[in-house]
Amino acid sequence: QGGTFRANQVVEERVMDSGALERE
């Protein structure tokens, strides 16, 4: 909502959890 991503950009969920262990 702060306009960091383009309107049509595909963004993963929990984008800040960048490490594999964090995402798992």
PDB file of all heavy atoms in Angstrom:
ATOM      1  N   GLN A   1       0.811  -1.215   0.000  1.00  0.00           N
ATOM      2  CA  GLN A   1       0.000   0.000   0.000  1.00  0.00           C
ATOM      3  C   GLN A   1       0.848   1.270   0.000  1.00  0.00           C
ATOM      4  O   GLN A   1       0.353   2.352  -0.322  1.00  0.00           O
ATOM      5  CB  GLN A   1      -0.954  -0.007   1.194  1.00  0.00           C
ATOM      6  CG  GLN A   1      -1.979  -1.137   1.109  1.00  0.00           C
ATOM      7  CD  GLN A   1      -3.017  -1.088   2.216  1.00  0.00           C
ATOM      8  OE1 GLN A   1      -3.353  -0.024   2.722  1.00  0.00           O
ATOM      9  NE2 GLN A   1      -3.534  -2.257   2.590  1.00  0.00           N
ATOM     10  N   GLY A   2       2.137   1.132   0.364  1.00  0.00           N
ATOM     11  CA  GLY A   2       3.042   2.279   0.317  1.00  0.00           C
ATOM     12  C   GLY A   2       3.664   2.473  -1.045  1.00  0.00           C
ATOM     13  O   GLY A   2       4.548   3.325  -1.226  1.00  0.00           O
ATOM     14  N   GLY A   3       3.235   1.673  -2.044  1.00  0.00           N
ATOM     15  CA  GLY A   3       3.708   1.863  -3.416  1.00  0.00           C
ATOM     16  C   GLY A   3       5.085   1.298  -3.693  1.00  0.00           C
ATOM     17  O   GLY A   3       5.721   1.656  -4.686  1.00  0.00           O
ATOM     18  N   THR A   4       5.570   0.394  -2.822  1.00  0.00           N
ATOM     19  CA  THR A   4       6.897  -0.189  -3.047  1.00  0.00           C
ATOM     20  C   THR A   4       6.904  -1.086  -4.285  1.00  0.00           C
ATOM     21  O   THR A   4       7.896  -1.167  -5.005  1.00  0.00           O
ATOM     22  CB  THR A   4       7.332  -0.998  -1.802  1.00  0.00           C
ATOM     23  OG1 THR A   4       7.394  -0.096  -0.704  1.00  0.00           O
ATOM     24  CG2 THR A   4       8.683  -1.648  -2.003  1.00  0.00           C
ATOM     25  N   PHE A   5       5.794  -1.778  -4.529  1.00  0.00           N
ATOM     26  CA  PHE A   5       5.717  -2.688  -5.670  1.00  0.00           C
ATOM     27  C   PHE A   5       4.819  -2.092  -6.755  1.00  0.00           C
ATOM     28  O   PHE A   5       3.859  -1.378  -6.462  1.00  0.00           O
ATOM     29  CB  PHE A   5       5.145  -4.051  -5.233  1.00  0.00           C
ATOM     30  CG  PHE A   5       5.880  -4.663  -4.090  1.00  0.00           C
ATOM     31  CD1 PHE A   5       5.252  -4.862  -2.858  1.00  0.00           C
ATOM     32  CD2 PHE A   5       7.205  -5.038  -4.210  1.00  0.00           C
ATOM     33  CE1 PHE A   5       5.931  -5.411  -1.783  1.00  0.00           C
ATOM     34  CE2 PHE A   5       7.892  -5.589  -3.134  1.00  0.00           C
ATOM     35  CZ  PHE A   5       7.251  -5.782  -1.927  1.00  0.00           C
ATOM     36  N   ARG A   6       5.110  -2.424  -8.001  1.00  0.00           N
ATOM     37  CA  ARG A   6       4.226  -2.033  -9.097  1.00  0.00           C
ATOM     38  C   ARG A   6       2.875  -2.729  -8.950  1.00  0.00           C
ATOM     39  O   ARG A   6       2.778  -3.808  -8.360  1.00  0.00           O
ATOM     40  CB  ARG A   6       4.822  -2.431 -10.455  1.00  0.00           C
ATOM     41  CG  ARG A   6       6.150  -1.813 -10.786  1.00  0.00           C
ATOM     42  CD  ARG A   6       6.537  -2.138 -12.217  1.00  0.00           C
ATOM     43  NE  ARG A   6       6.397  -3.546 -12.546  1.00  0.00           N
ATOM     44  CZ  ARG A   6       7.316  -4.478 -12.311  1.00  0.00           C
ATOM     45  NH1 ARG A   6       8.451  -4.137 -11.714  1.00  0.00           N
ATOM     46  NH2 ARG A   6       7.124  -5.739 -12.646  1.00  0.00           N
ATOM     47  N   ALA A   7       1.848  -2.146  -9.516  1.00  0.00           N
ATOM     48  CA  ALA A   7       0.491  -2.694  -9.373  1.00  0.00           C
ATOM     49  C   ALA A   7       0.389  -4.113  -9.911  1.00  0.00           C
ATOM     50  O   ALA A   7      -0.335  -4.944  -9.365  1.00  0.00           O
ATOM     51  CB  ALA A   7      -0.506  -1.790 -10.085  1.00  0.00           C
ATOM     52  N   ASN A   8       1.161  -4.408 -10.982  1.00  0.00           N
ATOM     53  CA  ASN A   8       1.065  -5.739 -11.596  1.00  0.00           C
ATOM     54  C   ASN A   8       2.208  -6.669 -11.190  1.00  0.00           C
ATOM     55  O   ASN A   8       2.386  -7.731 -11.774  1.00  0.00           O
ATOM     56  CB  ASN A   8       1.038  -5.603 -13.132  1.00  0.00           C
ATOM     57  CG  ASN A   8       2.326  -4.989 -13.669  1.00  0.00           C
ATOM     58  OD1 ASN A   8       3.089  -4.415 -12.905  1.00  0.00           O
ATOM     59  ND2 ASN A   8       2.556  -5.104 -14.964  1.00  0.00           N
ATOM     60  N   GLN A   9       2.995  -6.241 -10.202  1.00  0.00           N
ATOM     61  CA  GLN A   9       4.163  -7.039  -9.824  1.00  0.00           C
ATOM     62  C   GLN A   9       3.747  -8.258  -9.002  1.00  0.00           C
ATOM     63  O   GLN A   9       2.917  -8.155  -8.096  1.00  0.00           O
ATOM     64  CB  GLN A   9       5.139  -6.178  -9.005  1.00  0.00           C
ATOM     65  CG  GLN A   9       6.475  -6.852  -8.718  1.00  0.00           C
ATOM     66  CD  GLN A   9       7.466  -5.862  -8.090  1.00  0.00           C
ATOM     67  OE1 GLN A   9       7.266  -4.663  -8.148  1.00  0.00           O
ATOM     68  NE2 GLN A   9       8.526  -6.379  -7.504  1.00  0.00           N
ATOM     69  N   VAL A  10       4.333  -9.415  -9.342  1.00  0.00           N
ATOM     70  CA  VAL A  10       4.061 -10.644  -8.577  1.00  0.00           C
ATOM     71  C   VAL A  10       4.989 -10.643  -7.362  1.00  0.00           C
ATOM     72  O   VAL A  10       6.203 -10.594  -7.493  1.00  0.00           O
ATOM     73  CB  VAL A  10       4.309 -11.900  -9.443  1.00  0.00           C
ATOM     74  CG1 VAL A  10       4.091 -13.154  -8.610  1.00  0.00           C
ATOM     75  CG2 VAL A  10       3.392 -11.889 -10.654  1.00  0.00           C
ATOM     76  N   VAL A  11       4.389 -10.688  -6.168  1.00  0.00           N
ATOM     77  CA  VAL A  11       5.170 -10.607  -4.929  1.00  0.00           C
ATOM     78  C   VAL A  11       4.881 -11.833  -4.076  1.00  0.00           C
ATOM     79  O   VAL A  11       3.732 -12.206  -3.871  1.00  0.00           O
ATOM     80  CB  VAL A  11       4.799  -9.329  -4.133  1.00  0.00           C
ATOM     81  CG1 VAL A  11       5.654  -9.225  -2.888  1.00  0.00           C
ATOM     82  CG2 VAL A  11       4.963  -8.097  -5.006  1.00  0.00           C
ATOM     83  N   GLU A  12       5.957 -12.453  -3.568  1.00  0.00           N
ATOM     84  CA  GLU A  12       5.766 -13.598  -2.666  1.00  0.00           C
ATOM     85  C   GLU A  12       5.142 -13.124  -1.357  1.00  0.00           C
ATOM     86  O   GLU A  12       5.305 -11.982  -0.948  1.00  0.00           O
ATOM     87  CB  GLU A  12       7.126 -14.231  -2.334  1.00  0.00           C
ATOM     88  CG  GLU A  12       7.748 -15.015  -3.462  1.00  0.00           C
ATOM     89  CD  GLU A  12       9.013 -15.713  -2.962  1.00  0.00           C
ATOM     90  OE1 GLU A  12      10.062 -15.081  -2.898  1.00  0.00           O
ATOM     91  OE2 GLU A  12       8.910 -16.901  -2.626  1.00  0.00           O
ATOM     92  N   GLU A  13       4.457 -14.037  -0.676  1.00  0.00           N
ATOM     93  CA  GLU A  13       3.992 -13.724   0.674  1.00  0.00           C
ATOM     94  C   GLU A  13       5.195 -13.692   1.618  1.00  0.00           C
ATOM     95  O   GLU A  13       6.198 -14.341   1.395  1.00  0.00           O
ATOM     96  CB  GLU A  13       2.997 -14.793   1.155  1.00  0.00           C
ATOM     97  CG  GLU A  13       1.619 -14.646   0.544  1.00  0.00           C
ATOM     98  CD  GLU A  13       0.615 -15.545   1.238  1.00  0.00           C
ATOM     99  OE1 GLU A  13       0.921 -16.040   2.336  1.00  0.00           O
ATOM    100  OE2 GLU A  13      -0.461 -15.744   0.673  1.00  0.00           O
ATOM    101  N   ARG A  14       5.064 -12.918   2.704  1.00  0.00           N
ATOM    102  CA  ARG A  14       6.143 -12.790   3.702  1.00  0.00           C
ATOM    103  C   ARG A  14       7.458 -12.475   3.007  1.00  0.00           C
ATOM    104  O   ARG A  14       8.462 -13.153   3.160  1.00  0.00           O
ATOM    105  CB  ARG A  14       6.279 -14.055   4.562  1.00  0.00           C
ATOM    106  CG  ARG A  14       5.007 -14.462   5.261  1.00  0.00           C
ATOM    107  CD  ARG A  14       5.240 -15.381   6.449  1.00  0.00           C
ATOM    108  NE  ARG A  14       6.397 -16.234   6.301  1.00  0.00           N
ATOM    109  CZ  ARG A  14       6.389 -17.431   5.728  1.00  0.00           C
ATOM    110  NH1 ARG A  14       5.280 -17.906   5.212  1.00  0.00           N
ATOM    111  NH2 ARG A  14       7.483 -18.160   5.667  1.00  0.00           N
ATOM    112  N   VAL A  15       7.439 -11.383   2.222  1.00  0.00           N
ATOM    113  CA  VAL A  15       8.576 -11.037   1.385  1.00  0.00           C
ATOM    114  C   VAL A  15       9.810 -10.684   2.221  1.00  0.00           C
ATOM    115  O   VAL A  15      10.936 -10.845   1.780  1.00  0.00           O
ATOM    116  CB  VAL A  15       8.185  -9.882   0.422  1.00  0.00           C
ATOM    117  CG1 VAL A  15       7.954  -8.591   1.171  1.00  0.00           C
ATOM    118  CG2 VAL A  15       9.208  -9.705  -0.669  1.00  0.00           C
ATOM    119  N   MET A  16       9.614 -10.253   3.477  1.00  0.00           N
ATOM    120  CA  MET A  16      10.752  -9.893   4.326  1.00  0.00           C
ATOM    121  C   MET A  16      11.483 -11.120   4.856  1.00  0.00           C
ATOM    122  O   MET A  16      12.639 -11.034   5.259  1.00  0.00           O
ATOM    123  CB  MET A  16      10.284  -9.035   5.504  1.00  0.00           C
ATOM    124  CG  MET A  16       9.826  -7.647   5.107  1.00  0.00           C
ATOM    125  SD  MET A  16      11.157  -6.618   4.501  1.00  0.00           S
ATOM    126  CE  MET A  16      11.952  -6.173   6.041  1.00  0.00           C
ATOM    127  N   ASP A  17      10.806 -12.284   4.910  1.00  0.00           N
ATOM    128  CA  ASP A  17      11.489 -13.509   5.340  1.00  0.00           C
ATOM    129  C   ASP A  17      12.249 -14.065   4.142  1.00  0.00           C
ATOM    130  O   ASP A  17      11.750 -14.899   3.401  1.00  0.00           O
ATOM    131  CB  ASP A  17      10.481 -14.539   5.873  1.00  0.00           C
ATOM    132  CG  ASP A  17      10.015 -14.200   7.279  1.00  0.00           C
ATOM    133  OD1 ASP A  17      10.668 -13.363   7.924  1.00  0.00           O
ATOM    134  OD2 ASP A  17       9.013 -14.767   7.732  1.00  0.00           O
ATOM    135  N   SER A  18      13.491 -13.586   3.975  1.00  0.00           N
ATOM    136  CA  SER A  18      14.226 -13.895   2.753  1.00  0.00           C
ATOM    137  C   SER A  18      15.014 -15.196   2.844  1.00  0.00           C
ATOM    138  O   SER A  18      15.331 -15.809   1.836  1.00  0.00           O
ATOM    139  CB  SER A  18      15.182 -12.743   2.419  1.00  0.00           C
ATOM    140  OG  SER A  18      15.953 -12.411   3.564  1.00  0.00           O
ATOM    141  N   GLY A  19      15.346 -15.645   4.053  1.00  0.00           N
ATOM    142  CA  GLY A  19      16.119 -16.875   4.196  1.00  0.00           C
ATOM    143  C   GLY A  19      15.242 -18.112   4.037  1.00  0.00           C
ATOM    144  O   GLY A  19      14.061 -18.099   4.378  1.00  0.00           O
ATOM    145  N   ALA A  20      15.842 -19.202   3.515  1.00  0.00           N
ATOM    146  CA  ALA A  20      15.075 -20.439   3.312  1.00  0.00           C
ATOM    147  C   ALA A  20      14.495 -20.956   4.629  1.00  0.00           C
ATOM    148  O   ALA A  20      13.337 -21.371   4.693  1.00  0.00           O
ATOM    149  CB  ALA A  20      15.971 -21.497   2.676  1.00  0.00           C
ATOM    150  N   LEU A  21      15.301 -20.911   5.686  1.00  0.00           N
ATOM    151  CA  LEU A  21      14.820 -21.388   6.993  1.00  0.00           C
ATOM    152  C   LEU A  21      13.680 -20.510   7.520  1.00  0.00           C
ATOM    153  O   LEU A  21      12.731 -21.011   8.122  1.00  0.00           O
ATOM    154  CB  LEU A  21      15.975 -21.370   8.006  1.00  0.00           C
ATOM    155  CG  LEU A  21      16.776 -22.660   8.148  1.00  0.00           C
ATOM    156  CD1 LEU A  21      17.979 -22.422   9.036  1.00  0.00           C
ATOM    157  CD2 LEU A  21      15.919 -23.765   8.723  1.00  0.00           C
ATOM    158  N   GLU A  22      13.782 -19.197   7.281  1.00  0.00           N
ATOM    159  CA  GLU A  22      12.722 -18.297   7.746  1.00  0.00           C
ATOM    160  C   GLU A  22      11.402 -18.611   7.042  1.00  0.00           C
ATOM    161  O   GLU A  22      10.338 -18.612   7.663  1.00  0.00           O
ATOM    162  CB  GLU A  22      13.129 -16.844   7.469  1.00  0.00           C
ATOM    163  CG  GLU A  22      14.312 -16.371   8.308  1.00  0.00           C
ATOM    164  CD  GLU A  22      14.679 -14.934   8.020  1.00  0.00           C
ATOM    165  OE1 GLU A  22      14.851 -14.573   6.857  1.00  0.00           O
ATOM    166  OE2 GLU A  22      14.792 -14.160   8.984  1.00  0.00           O
ATOM    167  N   ARG A  23      11.490 -18.869   5.736  1.00  0.00           N
ATOM    168  CA  ARG A  23      10.262 -19.123   4.980  1.00  0.00           C
ATOM    169  C   ARG A  23       9.645 -20.461   5.380  1.00  0.00           C
ATOM    170  O   ARG A  23       8.429 -20.603   5.472  1.00  0.00           O
ATOM    171  CB  ARG A  23      10.561 -19.100   3.475  1.00  0.00           C
ATOM    172  CG  ARG A  23      11.064 -17.755   2.993  1.00  0.00           C
ATOM    173  CD  ARG A  23      10.996 -17.631   1.486  1.00  0.00           C
ATOM    174  NE  ARG A  23       9.608 -17.579   1.032  1.00  0.00           N
ATOM    175  CZ  ARG A  23       8.823 -16.517   1.112  1.00  0.00           C
ATOM    176  NH1 ARG A  23       9.288 -15.390   1.619  1.00  0.00           N
ATOM    177  NH2 ARG A  23       7.581 -16.555   0.695  1.00  0.00           N
ATOM    178  N   GLU A  24      10.497 -21.474   5.626  1.00  0.00           N
ATOM    179  CA  GLU A  24       9.983 -22.798   5.992  1.00  0.00           C
ATOM    180  C   GLU A  24       9.333 -22.782   7.370  1.00  0.00           C
ATOM    181  O   GLU A  24       8.286 -23.377   7.587  1.00  0.00           O
ATOM    182  CB  GLU A  24      11.109 -23.825   5.976  1.00  0.00           C
ATOM    183  CG  GLU A  24      11.543 -24.214   4.565  1.00  0.00           C
ATOM    184  CD  GLU A  24      12.805 -25.057   4.582  1.00  0.00           C
ATOM    185  OE1 GLU A  24      13.054 -25.738   5.591  1.00  0.00           O
ATOM    186  OE2 GLU A  24      13.544 -25.022   3.594  1.00  0.00           O
TER     187      GLU A  24
END
